[in-house]
Amino acid sequence: AKTTIEQITRRAGVSRNTFFNYFPGKADLLWVELDASRAVLTDALA
């Protein structure tokens, strides 16, 4: 809750626009592995 997108981008050394090129919001950073697993599941079923 105390972490802002600005703090994240500052620490990563990228711009706020760059952040939104990769993630719709802060919460999406919690789920990178599970979001990637959906693509693996889709490909495996296909």
All heavy atoms as atom14 arrays in JSON, in Angstrom:
{
  "sequence": "AKTTIEQITRRAGVSRNTFFNYFPGKADLLWVELDASRAVLTDALA",
  "atom14_mask": [
    [1, 1, 1, 1, 1, 0, 0, 0, 0, 0, 0, 0, 0, 0],
    [1, 1, 1, 1, 1, 1, 1, 1, 1, 0, 0, 0, 0, 0],
    [1, 1, 1, 1, 1, 1, 1, 0, 0, 0, 0, 0, 0, 0],
    [1, 1, 1, 1, 1, 1, 1, 0, 0, 0, 0, 0, 0, 0],
    [1, 1, 1, 1, 1, 1, 1, 1, 0, 0, 0, 0, 0, 0],
    [1, 1, 1, 1, 1, 1, 1, 1, 1, 0, 0, 0, 0, 0],
    [1, 1, 1, 1, 1, 1, 1, 1, 1, 0, 0, 0, 0, 0],
    [1, 1, 1, 1, 1, 1, 1, 1, 0, 0, 0, 0, 0, 0],
    [1, 1, 1, 1, 1, 1, 1, 0, 0, 0, 0, 0, 0, 0],
    [1, 1, 1, 1, 1, 1, 1, 1, 1, 1, 1, 0, 0, 0],
    [1, 1, 1, 1, 1, 1, 1, 1, 1, 1, 1, 0, 0, 0],
    [1, 1, 1, 1, 1, 0, 0, 0, 0, 0, 0, 0, 0, 0],
    [1, 1, 1, 1, 0, 0, 0, 0, 0, 0, 0, 0, 0, 0],
    [1, 1, 1, 1, 1, 1, 1, 0, 0, 0, 0, 0, 0, 0],
    [1, 1, 1, 1, 1, 1, 0, 0, 0, 0, 0, 0, 0, 0],
    [1, 1, 1, 1, 1, 1, 1, 1, 1, 1, 1, 0, 0, 0],
    [1, 1, 1, 1, 1, 1, 1, 1, 0, 0, 0, 0, 0, 0],
    [1, 1, 1, 1, 1, 1, 1, 0, 0, 0, 0, 0, 0, 0],
    [1, 1, 1, 1, 1, 1, 1, 1, 1, 1, 1, 0, 0, 0],
    [1, 1, 1, 1, 1, 1, 1, 1, 1, 1, 1, 0, 0, 0],
    [1, 1, 1, 1, 1, 1, 1, 1, 0, 0, 0, 0, 0, 0],
    [1, 1, 1, 1, 1, 1, 1, 1, 1, 1, 1, 1, 0, 0],
    [1, 1, 1, 1, 1, 1, 1, 1, 1, 1, 1, 0, 0, 0],
    [1, 1, 1, 1, 1, 1, 1, 0, 0, 0, 0, 0, 0, 0],
    [1, 1, 1, 1, 0, 0, 0, 0, 0, 0, 0, 0, 0, 0],
    [1, 1, 1, 1, 1, 1, 1, 1, 1, 0, 0, 0, 0, 0],
    [1, 1, 1, 1, 1, 0, 0, 0, 0, 0, 0, 0, 0, 0],
    [1, 1, 1, 1, 1, 1, 1, 1, 0, 0, 0, 0, 0, 0],
    [1, 1, 1, 1, 1, 1, 1, 1, 0, 0, 0, 0, 0, 0],
    [1, 1, 1, 1, 1, 1, 1, 1, 0, 0, 0, 0, 0, 0],
    [1, 1, 1, 1, 1, 1, 1, 1, 1, 1, 1, 1, 1, 1],
    [1, 1, 1, 1, 1, 1, 1, 0, 0, 0, 0, 0, 0, 0],
    [1, 1, 1, 1, 1, 1, 1, 1, 1, 0, 0, 0, 0, 0],
    [1, 1, 1, 1, 1, 1, 1, 1, 0, 0, 0, 0, 0, 0],
    [1, 1, 1, 1, 1, 1, 1, 1, 0, 0, 0, 0, 0, 0],
    [1, 1, 1, 1, 1, 0, 0, 0, 0, 0, 0, 0, 0, 0],
    [1, 1, 1, 1, 1, 1, 0, 0, 0, 0, 0, 0, 0, 0],
    [1, 1, 1, 1, 1, 1, 1, 1, 1, 1, 1, 0, 0, 0],
    [1, 1, 1, 1, 1, 0, 0, 0, 0, 0, 0, 0, 0, 0],
    [1, 1, 1, 1, 1, 1, 1, 0, 0, 0, 0, 0, 0, 0],
    [1, 1, 1, 1, 1, 1, 1, 1, 0, 0, 0, 0, 0, 0],
    [1, 1, 1, 1, 1, 1, 1, 0, 0, 0, 0, 0, 0, 0],
    [1, 1, 1, 1, 1, 1, 1, 1, 0, 0, 0, 0, 0, 0],
    [1, 1, 1, 1, 1, 0, 0, 0, 0, 0, 0, 0, 0, 0],
    [1, 1, 1, 1, 1, 1, 1, 1, 0, 0, 0, 0, 0, 0],
    [1, 1, 1, 1, 1, 0, 0, 0, 0, 0, 0, 0, 0, 0]
  ],
  "atom14_positions": [
    [[0.81, -1.22, 0.0], [0.0, 0.0, 0.0], [0.84, 1.27, 0.0], [0.45, 2.28, -0.6], [-0.95, 0.0, 1.2], [0.0, 0.0, 0.0], [0.0, 0.0, 0.0], [0.0, 0.0, 0.0], [0.0, 0.0, 0.0], [0.0, 0.0, 0.0], [0.0, 0.0, 0.0], [0.0, 0.0, 0.0], [0.0, 0.0, 0.0], [0.0, 0.0, 0.0]],
    [[1.99, 1.24, 0.63], [2.84, 2.44, 0.72], [3.74, 2.62, -0.49], [4.43, 3.64, -0.6], [3.68, 2.39, 1.99], [2.85, 2.51, 3.24], [3.73, 2.48, 4.47], [2.88, 2.59, 5.72], [3.67, 2.46, 6.94], [0.0, 0.0, 0.0], [0.0, 0.0, 0.0], [0.0, 0.0, 0.0], [0.0, 0.0, 0.0], [0.0, 0.0, 0.0]],
    [[3.77, 1.65, -1.38], [4.62, 1.74, -2.56], [3.84, 2.36, -3.72], [2.73, 1.94, -4.02], [5.11, 0.33, -2.97], [5.86, -0.22, -1.88], [6.0, 0.39, -4.2], [0.0, 0.0, 0.0], [0.0, 0.0, 0.0], [0.0, 0.0, 0.0], [0.0, 0.0, 0.0], [0.0, 0.0, 0.0], [0.0, 0.0, 0.0], [0.0, 0.0, 0.0]],
    [[4.44, 3.36, -4.34], [3.8, 4.03, -5.48], [4.47, 3.6, -6.79], [5.6, 3.11, -6.79], [3.91, 5.56, -5.35], [5.3, 5.92, -5.46], [3.33, 6.06, -4.03], [0.0, 0.0, 0.0], [0.0, 0.0, 0.0], [0.0, 0.0, 0.0], [0.0, 0.0, 0.0], [0.0, 0.0, 0.0], [0.0, 0.0, 0.0], [0.0, 0.0, 0.0]],
    [[3.76, 3.82, -7.85], [4.32, 3.54, -9.17], [5.55, 4.42, -9.4], [6.54, 3.97, -9.98], [3.25, 3.74, -10.27], [2.2, 2.63, -10.16], [3.88, 3.77, -11.66], [1.0, 2.8, -11.05], [0.0, 0.0, 0.0], [0.0, 0.0, 0.0], [0.0, 0.0, 0.0], [0.0, 0.0, 0.0], [0.0, 0.0, 0.0], [0.0, 0.0, 0.0]],
    [[5.51, 5.66, -8.93], [6.65, 6.55, -9.09], [7.89, 6.0, -8.4], [9.0, 6.06, -8.92], [6.32, 7.95, -8.55], [5.36, 8.73, -9.41], [3.89, 8.24, -9.34], [3.51, 7.56, -8.34], [3.13, 8.51, -10.28], [0.0, 0.0, 0.0], [0.0, 0.0, 0.0], [0.0, 0.0, 0.0], [0.0, 0.0, 0.0], [0.0, 0.0, 0.0]],
    [[7.71, 5.43, -7.2], [8.85, 4.84, -6.49], [9.4, 3.64, -7.26], [10.62, 3.45, -7.33], [8.43, 4.41, -5.08], [8.13, 5.55, -4.15], [7.48, 5.08, -2.86], [6.74, 4.1, -2.84], [7.76, 5.8, -1.77], [0.0, 0.0, 0.0], [0.0, 0.0, 0.0], [0.0, 0.0, 0.0], [0.0, 0.0, 0.0], [0.0, 0.0, 0.0]],
    [[8.51, 2.85, -7.8], [8.93, 1.67, -8.56], [9.73, 2.1, -9.79], [10.81, 1.56, -10.06], [7.72, 0.82, -8.97], [7.03, 0.24, -7.73], [8.14, -0.31, -9.93], [5.66, -0.37, -7.99], [0.0, 0.0, 0.0], [0.0, 0.0, 0.0], [0.0, 0.0, 0.0], [0.0, 0.0, 0.0], [0.0, 0.0, 0.0], [0.0, 0.0, 0.0]],
    [[9.21, 3.07, -10.53], [9.91, 3.49, -11.75], [11.25, 4.15, -11.43], [12.23, 3.95, -12.14], [9.04, 4.44, -12.61], [8.68, 5.58, -11.83], [7.8, 3.73, -13.12], [0.0, 0.0, 0.0], [0.0, 0.0, 0.0], [0.0, 0.0, 0.0], [0.0, 0.0, 0.0], [0.0, 0.0, 0.0], [0.0, 0.0, 0.0], [0.0, 0.0, 0.0]],
    [[11.28, 4.9, -10.35], [12.54, 5.54, -9.94], [13.59, 4.48, -9.62], [14.72, 4.55, -10.09], [12.31, 6.46, -8.75], [13.48, 7.36, -8.43], [13.19, 8.37, -7.31], [11.86, 8.95, -7.34], [10.94, 8.8, -6.37], [11.22, 8.11, -5.28], [9.75, 9.35, -6.48], [0.0, 0.0, 0.0], [0.0, 0.0, 0.0], [0.0, 0.0, 0.0]],
    [[13.19, 3.49, -8.84], [14.14, 2.44, -8.47], [14.58, 1.63, -9.69], [15.73, 1.23, -9.78], [13.55, 1.51, -7.42], [14.58, 0.44, -7.05], [14.45, -0.2, -5.74], [14.47, 0.66, -4.59], [14.36, 0.19, -3.36], [14.26, -1.11, -3.14], [14.35, 1.0, -2.32], [0.0, 0.0, 0.0], [0.0, 0.0, 0.0], [0.0, 0.0, 0.0]],
    [[13.67, 1.4, -10.61], [14.0, 0.63, -11.82], [14.76, 1.46, -12.84], [15.35, 0.9, -13.77], [12.73, 0.07, -12.44], [0.0, 0.0, 0.0], [0.0, 0.0, 0.0], [0.0, 0.0, 0.0], [0.0, 0.0, 0.0], [0.0, 0.0, 0.0], [0.0, 0.0, 0.0], [0.0, 0.0, 0.0], [0.0, 0.0, 0.0], [0.0, 0.0, 0.0]],
    [[14.74, 2.77, -12.68], [15.44, 3.64, -13.63], [14.73, 3.77, -14.96], [15.36, 3.89, -16.01], [0.0, 0.0, 0.0], [0.0, 0.0, 0.0], [0.0, 0.0, 0.0], [0.0, 0.0, 0.0], [0.0, 0.0, 0.0], [0.0, 0.0, 0.0], [0.0, 0.0, 0.0], [0.0, 0.0, 0.0], [0.0, 0.0, 0.0], [0.0, 0.0, 0.0]],
    [[13.39, 3.74, -14.92], [12.61, 3.88, -16.14], [11.54, 4.95, -15.91], [11.29, 5.36, -14.79], [11.94, 2.55, -16.57], [12.99, 1.49, -16.84], [10.93, 2.07, -15.55], [0.0, 0.0, 0.0], [0.0, 0.0, 0.0], [0.0, 0.0, 0.0], [0.0, 0.0, 0.0], [0.0, 0.0, 0.0], [0.0, 0.0, 0.0], [0.0, 0.0, 0.0]],
    [[10.9, 5.36, -16.98], [9.86, 6.39, -16.88], [8.51, 5.78, -16.51], [8.29, 4.57, -16.64], [9.73, 7.13, -18.21], [9.12, 6.29, -19.17], [0.0, 0.0, 0.0], [0.0, 0.0, 0.0], [0.0, 0.0, 0.0], [0.0, 0.0, 0.0], [0.0, 0.0, 0.0], [0.0, 0.0, 0.0], [0.0, 0.0, 0.0], [0.0, 0.0, 0.0]],
    [[7.61, 6.63, -16.09], [6.24, 6.21, -15.78], [5.58, 5.63, -17.04], [4.86, 4.63, -16.97], [5.45, 7.42, -15.25], [4.06, 7.09, -14.8], [3.4, 8.34, -14.17], [1.99, 8.15, -13.97], [1.45, 7.57, -12.91], [2.22, 7.11, -11.95], [0.15, 7.43, -12.8], [0.0, 0.0, 0.0], [0.0, 0.0, 0.0], [0.0, 0.0, 0.0]],
    [[5.83, 6.24, -18.19], [5.29, 5.72, -19.45], [5.79, 4.31, -19.72], [5.04, 3.45, -20.2], [5.63, 6.64, -20.61], [4.83, 7.92, -20.59], [3.79, 8.01, -19.94], [5.32, 8.93, -21.28], [0.0, 0.0, 0.0], [0.0, 0.0, 0.0], [0.0, 0.0, 0.0], [0.0, 0.0, 0.0], [0.0, 0.0, 0.0], [0.0, 0.0, 0.0]],
    [[7.06, 4.08, -19.43], [7.61, 2.74, -19.63], [6.89, 1.74, -18.75], [6.56, 0.63, -19.18], [9.13, 2.73, -19.33], [9.77, 3.63, -20.24], [9.72, 1.34, -19.47], [0.0, 0.0, 0.0], [0.0, 0.0, 0.0], [0.0, 0.0, 0.0], [0.0, 0.0, 0.0], [0.0, 0.0, 0.0], [0.0, 0.0, 0.0], [0.0, 0.0, 0.0]],
    [[6.61, 2.13, -17.51], [5.87, 1.25, -16.6], [4.57, 0.79, -17.27], [4.26, -0.39, -17.31], [5.55, 1.96, -15.28], [4.73, 1.14, -14.34], [5.34, 0.33, -13.4], [3.33, 1.14, -14.41], [4.58, -0.45, -12.54], [2.58, 0.36, -13.56], [3.2, -0.44, -12.62], [0.0, 0.0, 0.0], [0.0, 0.0, 0.0], [0.0, 0.0, 0.0]],
    [[3.81, 1.75, -17.79], [2.5, 1.42, -18.36], [2.6, 0.72, -19.71], [1.61, 0.18, -20.19], [1.62, 2.67, -18.42], [1.16, 3.09, -17.05], [1.66, 4.24, -16.45], [0.25, 2.32, -16.34], [1.26, 4.62, -15.18], [-0.16, 2.68, -15.06], [0.35, 3.83, -14.48], [0.0, 0.0, 0.0], [0.0, 0.0, 0.0], [0.0, 0.0, 0.0]],
    [[3.78, 0.68, -20.3], [3.98, -0.15, -21.49], [3.97, -1.63, -21.13], [3.69, -2.47, -21.97], [5.3, 0.19, -22.18], [5.25, 1.48, -22.95], [4.18, 1.95, -23.33], [6.4, 2.08, -23.16], [0.0, 0.0, 0.0], [0.0, 0.0, 0.0], [0.0, 0.0, 0.0], [0.0, 0.0, 0.0], [0.0, 0.0, 0.0], [0.0, 0.0, 0.0]],
    [[4.31, -1.93, -19.88], [4.43, -3.32, -19.44], [3.29, -3.79, -18.55], [2.92, -4.96, -18.58], [5.75, -3.53, -18.69], [6.95, -3.24, -19.55], [7.73, -2.12, -19.31], [7.29, -4.07, -20.6], [8.84, -1.85, -20.1], [8.39, -3.8, -21.39], [9.16, -2.69, -21.13], [10.24, -2.42, -21.92], [0.0, 0.0, 0.0], [0.0, 0.0, 0.0]],
    [[2.79, -2.89, -17.72], [1.81, -3.28, -16.7], [0.66, -2.29, -16.65], [0.89, -1.08, -16.61], [2.48, -3.34, -15.32], [3.63, -4.29, -15.27], [4.93, -3.82, -15.32], [3.43, -5.66, -15.18], [6.01, -4.69, -15.29], [4.5, -6.54, -15.15], [5.79, -6.05, -15.21], [0.0, 0.0, 0.0], [0.0, 0.0, 0.0], [0.0, 0.0, 0.0]],
    [[-0.58, -2.79, -16.6], [-1.73, -1.89, -16.48], [-1.77, -1.15, -15.14], [-2.27, -0.04, -15.04], [-2.94, -2.8, -16.62], [-2.43, -4.05, -17.25], [-0.99, -4.17, -16.84], [0.0, 0.0, 0.0], [0.0, 0.0, 0.0], [0.0, 0.0, 0.0], [0.0, 0.0, 0.0], [0.0, 0.0, 0.0], [0.0, 0.0, 0.0], [0.0, 0.0, 0.0]],
    [[-1.25, -1.78, -14.09], [-1.27, -1.16, -12.77], [-0.31, -1.84, -11.82], [0.29, -2.87, -12.15], [0.0, 0.0, 0.0], [0.0, 0.0, 0.0], [0.0, 0.0, 0.0], [0.0, 0.0, 0.0], [0.0, 0.0, 0.0], [0.0, 0.0, 0.0], [0.0, 0.0, 0.0], [0.0, 0.0, 0.0], [0.0, 0.0, 0.0], [0.0, 0.0, 0.0]],
    [[-0.2, -1.29, -10.65], [0.73, -1.8, -9.64], [0.42, -3.25, -9.25], [1.33, -4.06, -9.09], [0.66, -0.87, -8.41], [1.57, -1.24, -7.29], [1.58, -0.18, -6.19], [0.34, -0.26, -5.32], [0.47, 0.53, -4.08], [0.0, 0.0, 0.0], [0.0, 0.0, 0.0], [0.0, 0.0, 0.0], [0.0, 0.0, 0.0], [0.0, 0.0, 0.0]],
    [[-0.84, -3.59, -9.12], [-1.22, -4.94, -8.7], [-0.73, -6.01, -9.68], [-0.48, -7.15, -9.28], [-2.73, -5.04, -8.54], [0.0, 0.0, 0.0], [0.0, 0.0, 0.0], [0.0, 0.0, 0.0], [0.0, 0.0, 0.0], [0.0, 0.0, 0.0], [0.0, 0.0, 0.0], [0.0, 0.0, 0.0], [0.0, 0.0, 0.0], [0.0, 0.0, 0.0]],
    [[-0.59, -5.66, -10.94], [-0.16, -6.64, -11.93], [1.25, -7.14, -11.68], [1.62, -8.22, -12.12], [-0.3, -6.05, -13.33], [-1.74, -5.75, -13.65], [-2.52, -6.71, -13.81], [-2.1, -4.56, -13.68], [0.0, 0.0, 0.0], [0.0, 0.0, 0.0], [0.0, 0.0, 0.0], [0.0, 0.0, 0.0], [0.0, 0.0, 0.0], [0.0, 0.0, 0.0]],
    [[2.05, -6.35, -10.96], [3.4, -6.77, -10.63], [3.42, -7.93, -9.64], [4.41, -8.64, -9.52], [4.2, -5.59, -10.06], [4.6, -4.57, -11.11], [4.87, -3.22, -10.48], [5.8, -5.06, -11.89], [0.0, 0.0, 0.0], [0.0, 0.0, 0.0], [0.0, 0.0, 0.0], [0.0, 0.0, 0.0], [0.0, 0.0, 0.0], [0.0, 0.0, 0.0]],
    [[2.34, -8.13, -8.93], [2.26, -9.24, -7.98], [2.07, -10.58, -8.66], [2.31, -11.62, -8.08], [1.08, -9.02, -7.02], [1.12, -7.8, -6.12], [-0.22, -7.62, -5.43], [2.25, -7.92, -5.11], [0.0, 0.0, 0.0], [0.0, 0.0, 0.0], [0.0, 0.0, 0.0], [0.0, 0.0, 0.0], [0.0, 0.0, 0.0], [0.0, 0.0, 0.0]],
    [[1.61, -10.55, -9.9], [1.13, -11.76, -10.55], [1.84, -12.1, -11.84], [1.3, -12.83, -12.67], [-0.37, -11.6, -10.82], [-1.12, -11.36, -9.57], [-1.61, -10.17, -9.1], [-1.4, -12.32, -8.56], [-2.21, -10.35, -7.89], [-2.09, -11.66, -7.53], [-1.16, -13.69, -8.44], [-2.53, -12.33, -6.38], [-1.6, -14.34, -7.31], [-2.28, -13.66, -6.3]],
    [[3.04, -11.62, -12.05], [3.74, -11.83, -13.31], [3.84, -13.32, -13.65], [3.55, -13.72, -14.78], [5.14, -11.16, -13.27], [5.97, -11.53, -14.48], [5.0, -9.65, -13.16], [0.0, 0.0, 0.0], [0.0, 0.0, 0.0], [0.0, 0.0, 0.0], [0.0, 0.0, 0.0], [0.0, 0.0, 0.0], [0.0, 0.0, 0.0], [0.0, 0.0, 0.0]],
    [[4.25, -14.13, -12.68], [4.43, -15.55, -12.95], [3.1, -16.24, -13.28], [3.03, -17.05, -14.19], [5.08, -16.26, -11.74], [6.54, -15.88, -11.55], [6.72, -14.63, -10.68], [5.7, -14.02, -10.26], [7.87, -14.25, -10.44], [0.0, 0.0, 0.0], [0.0, 0.0, 0.0], [0.0, 0.0, 0.0], [0.0, 0.0, 0.0], [0.0, 0.0, 0.0]],
    [[2.05, -15.89, -12.55], [0.76, -16.53, -12.82], [0.16, -16.05, -14.14], [-0.48, -16.83, -14.85], [-0.21, -16.31, -11.67], [0.14, -17.06, -10.39], [-0.91, -16.82, -9.31], [0.3, -18.54, -10.63], [0.0, 0.0, 0.0], [0.0, 0.0, 0.0], [0.0, 0.0, 0.0], [0.0, 0.0, 0.0], [0.0, 0.0, 0.0], [0.0, 0.0, 0.0]],
    [[0.38, -14.8, -14.48], [-0.1, -14.31, -15.77], [0.64, -15.03, -16.91], [0.03, -15.41, -17.91], [0.06, -12.8, -15.89], [-0.92, -12.04, -15.0], [-1.92, -12.64, -14.54], [-0.69, -10.84, -14.77], [0.0, 0.0, 0.0], [0.0, 0.0, 0.0], [0.0, 0.0, 0.0], [0.0, 0.0, 0.0], [0.0, 0.0, 0.0], [0.0, 0.0, 0.0]],
    [[1.93, -15.23, -16.73], [2.71, -15.96, -17.74], [2.25, -17.41, -17.84], [2.23, -17.99, -18.93], [4.19, -15.89, -17.41], [0.0, 0.0, 0.0], [0.0, 0.0, 0.0], [0.0, 0.0, 0.0], [0.0, 0.0, 0.0], [0.0, 0.0, 0.0], [0.0, 0.0, 0.0], [0.0, 0.0, 0.0], [0.0, 0.0, 0.0], [0.0, 0.0, 0.0]],
    [[1.82, -17.99, -16.72], [1.37, -19.38, -16.74], [0.11, -19.56, -17.57], [-0.13, -20.63, -18.12], [1.18, -19.92, -15.32], [-0.01, -19.42, -14.74], [0.0, 0.0, 0.0], [0.0, 0.0, 0.0], [0.0, 0.0, 0.0], [0.0, 0.0, 0.0], [0.0, 0.0, 0.0], [0.0, 0.0, 0.0], [0.0, 0.0, 0.0], [0.0, 0.0, 0.0]],
    [[-0.71, -18.51, -17.67], [-1.92, -18.61, -18.5], [-1.54, -18.81, -19.96], [-2.18, -19.59, -20.68], [-2.8, -17.39, -18.31], [-4.17, -17.56, -18.95], [-5.15, -16.46, -18.6], [-4.69, -15.15, -19.01], [-4.37, -14.16, -18.19], [-4.46, -14.3, -16.89], [-3.97, -13.0, -18.66], [0.0, 0.0, 0.0], [0.0, 0.0, 0.0], [0.0, 0.0, 0.0]],
    [[-0.5, -18.14, -20.42], [-0.04, -18.31, -21.8], [0.51, -19.72, -22.0], [0.26, -20.35, -23.05], [1.02, -17.26, -22.15], [0.0, 0.0, 0.0], [0.0, 0.0, 0.0], [0.0, 0.0, 0.0], [0.0, 0.0, 0.0], [0.0, 0.0, 0.0], [0.0, 0.0, 0.0], [0.0, 0.0, 0.0], [0.0, 0.0, 0.0], [0.0, 0.0, 0.0]],
    [[1.24, -20.25, -21.02], [1.76, -21.61, -21.11], [0.59, -22.6, -21.18], [0.6, -23.53, -22.0], [2.68, -21.93, -19.91], [3.11, -23.4, -19.92], [3.91, -21.02, -19.92], [0.0, 0.0, 0.0], [0.0, 0.0, 0.0], [0.0, 0.0, 0.0], [0.0, 0.0, 0.0], [0.0, 0.0, 0.0], [0.0, 0.0, 0.0], [0.0, 0.0, 0.0]],
    [[-0.42, -22.4, -20.35], [-1.59, -23.28, -20.35], [-2.3, -23.22, -21.7], [-2.66, -24.27, -22.27], [-2.55, -22.87, -19.23], [-3.86, -23.64, -19.12], [-3.62, -25.12, -18.86], [-4.74, -23.04, -18.03], [0.0, 0.0, 0.0], [0.0, 0.0, 0.0], [0.0, 0.0, 0.0], [0.0, 0.0, 0.0], [0.0, 0.0, 0.0], [0.0, 0.0, 0.0]],
    [[-2.49, -22.04, -22.21], [-3.15, -21.87, -23.51], [-2.4, -22.61, -24.6], [-2.99, -23.34, -25.41], [-3.26, -20.37, -23.87], [-4.01, -19.71, -22.84], [-3.93, -20.14, -25.21], [0.0, 0.0, 0.0], [0.0, 0.0, 0.0], [0.0, 0.0, 0.0], [0.0, 0.0, 0.0], [0.0, 0.0, 0.0], [0.0, 0.0, 0.0], [0.0, 0.0, 0.0]],
    [[-1.08, -22.44, -24.64], [-0.26, -23.1, -25.66], [-0.27, -24.62, -25.5], [-0.34, -25.35, -26.49], [1.18, -22.59, -25.6], [1.32, -21.13, -26.02], [0.36, -20.58, -26.63], [2.38, -20.53, -25.74], [0.0, 0.0, 0.0], [0.0, 0.0, 0.0], [0.0, 0.0, 0.0], [0.0, 0.0, 0.0], [0.0, 0.0, 0.0], [0.0, 0.0, 0.0]],
    [[-0.22, -25.09, -24.26], [-0.22, -26.54, -24.02], [-1.55, -27.17, -24.46], [-1.56, -28.25, -25.05], [0.06, -26.84, -22.55], [0.0, 0.0, 0.0], [0.0, 0.0, 0.0], [0.0, 0.0, 0.0], [0.0, 0.0, 0.0], [0.0, 0.0, 0.0], [0.0, 0.0, 0.0], [0.0, 0.0, 0.0], [0.0, 0.0, 0.0], [0.0, 0.0, 0.0]],
    [[-2.64, -26.48, -24.2], [-3.94, -27.0, -24.63], [-4.06, -26.97, -26.15], [-4.58, -27.91, -26.76], [-5.08, -26.21, -23.99], [-5.29, -26.48, -22.5], [-6.27, -25.47, -21.9], [-5.77, -27.9, -22.26], [0.0, 0.0, 0.0], [0.0, 0.0, 0.0], [0.0, 0.0, 0.0], [0.0, 0.0, 0.0], [0.0, 0.0, 0.0], [0.0, 0.0, 0.0]],
    [[-3.56, -25.91, -26.76], [-3.61, -25.81, -28.23], [-2.78, -26.9, -28.89], [-3.1, -27.35, -30.0], [-3.13, -24.43, -28.67], [0.0, 0.0, 0.0], [0.0, 0.0, 0.0], [0.0, 0.0, 0.0], [0.0, 0.0, 0.0], [0.0, 0.0, 0.0], [0.0, 0.0, 0.0], [0.0, 0.0, 0.0], [0.0, 0.0, 0.0], [0.0, 0.0, 0.0]]
  ]
}
